[in-house]
Structure formats: C-alpha cells, structure tokens
Amino acid sequence: MNTELKSKIAKRMLGVQGEAAFETLARANELERQGRHIIHLEIGEPDFDTPAPIVRAGIDWLKKGKNALCAGSRSS
C-alpha cells in the first residue's frame, strides 16, 4: 500500500469514534426495557429468520456466479 493511500485512510479513521454498534444496542435495550418493540439489527443479527424467498434468491444468485461487489459498492 502506498504512503499516500495510507495517509488518506489514516485521516478517515480520525472520524471513527467509539463502537457505534454497541452504543446502538445499548440504546435499543434501553427502549426495550421501556416497553418498546424493537427489531434488533444493530449487531448484524436480526431477531427473526431471513424469509425463505430471500434465502432462495441469494442461493440462485450465487449459483449464477454473482458473488462480486457491484460497481456502486466499490470505494474509490
């Protein structure tokens, strides 16, 4: 990795503060204790199974070799 790229990444990292996912989980748990219904998505584990049509679509997509990032997802 070249020095310019390392510097660019390092500057971007200065804006990262705390662990947002855990902060969000703490807030969600607080709201739940207050009686609010919360669908947990903050740690990457929703509290419900992935619907079968989505699972099948994902499997079909992978079988077709569609396993790379789309152009819009790549960072520059």
Protein backbone atom coordinates (compact mmCIF):
# COMPACT_ATOMS: atom_id res chain seq x y z
CA MET A 1 0.00 0.00 0.00
CA ASN A 2 1.48 3.33 -0.98
CA THR A 3 2.13 6.13 1.51
CA GLU A 4 -0.49 8.45 0.02
CA LEU A 5 -3.22 5.83 0.37
CA LYS A 6 -2.16 5.01 3.93
CA SER A 7 -2.33 8.70 4.82
CA LYS A 8 -5.80 9.03 3.27
CA ILE A 9 -7.06 6.01 5.23
CA ALA A 10 -5.46 7.27 8.46
CA LYS A 11 -7.18 10.67 8.10
CA ARG A 12 -10.55 8.99 7.54
CA MET A 13 -10.04 6.88 10.66
CA LEU A 14 -9.76 10.03 12.79
CA GLY A 15 -13.53 10.41 12.41
CA VAL A 16 -14.28 6.96 13.84
CA GLN A 17 -15.40 7.29 17.43
CA GLY A 18 -16.43 4.53 19.81
CA GLU A 19 -18.21 1.38 18.80
CA ALA A 20 -21.44 2.58 17.23
CA ALA A 21 -22.99 -0.89 17.02
CA PHE A 22 -22.66 -1.44 20.76
CA GLU A 23 -23.91 2.06 21.51
CA THR A 24 -26.93 1.39 19.31
CA LEU A 25 -27.52 -1.97 21.03
CA ALA A 26 -27.43 -0.28 24.44
CA ARG A 27 -29.99 2.29 23.27
CA ALA A 28 -32.21 -0.43 21.78
CA ASN A 29 -32.06 -2.41 25.03
CA GLU A 30 -32.98 0.72 26.97
CA LEU A 31 -36.01 1.31 24.75
CA GLU A 32 -36.99 -2.35 25.11
CA ARG A 33 -36.91 -2.03 28.90
CA GLN A 34 -39.31 0.88 28.50
CA GLY A 35 -41.75 -1.44 26.73
CA ARG A 36 -40.96 -0.50 23.13
CA HIS A 37 -40.97 -3.26 20.48
CA ILE A 38 -37.50 -3.39 18.92
CA ILE A 39 -36.36 -5.36 15.88
CA HIS A 40 -32.66 -5.82 16.54
CA LEU A 41 -30.48 -5.08 13.51
CA GLU A 42 -27.64 -3.24 15.24
CA ILE A 43 -25.14 -6.11 15.68
CA GLY A 44 -25.93 -7.85 12.43
CA GLU A 45 -28.20 -10.42 14.00
CA PRO A 46 -31.87 -9.67 13.38
CA ASP A 47 -34.20 -11.33 15.85
CA PHE A 48 -36.07 -13.13 13.06
CA ASP A 49 -35.09 -15.63 10.37
CA THR A 50 -34.39 -14.49 6.83
CA PRO A 51 -37.57 -15.05 4.81
CA ALA A 52 -37.40 -18.16 2.57
CA PRO A 53 -37.81 -16.24 -0.73
CA ILE A 54 -34.78 -14.11 0.12
CA VAL A 55 -32.72 -17.20 1.01
CA ARG A 56 -33.69 -18.89 -2.27
CA ALA A 57 -32.92 -15.75 -4.28
CA GLY A 58 -29.50 -15.48 -2.63
CA ILE A 59 -28.69 -19.12 -3.38
CA ASP A 60 -29.84 -18.72 -7.00
CA TRP A 61 -27.72 -15.60 -7.40
CA LEU A 62 -24.63 -17.31 -6.03
CA LYS A 63 -25.17 -20.34 -8.28
CA LYS A 64 -25.11 -17.94 -11.24
CA GLY A 65 -21.67 -16.73 -10.12
CA LYS A 66 -22.94 -13.35 -8.97
CA ASN A 67 -20.69 -13.09 -5.95
CA ALA A 68 -18.75 -9.86 -6.51
CA LEU A 69 -19.41 -6.31 -5.42
CA CYS A 70 -21.47 -4.19 -7.77
CA ALA A 71 -19.81 -1.09 -9.22
CA GLY A 72 -21.70 1.19 -6.84
CA SER A 73 -20.35 -0.59 -3.76
CA ARG A 74 -16.68 -0.13 -4.50
CA SER A 75 -14.92 2.68 -2.70
CA SER A 76 -12.60 4.91 -4.68
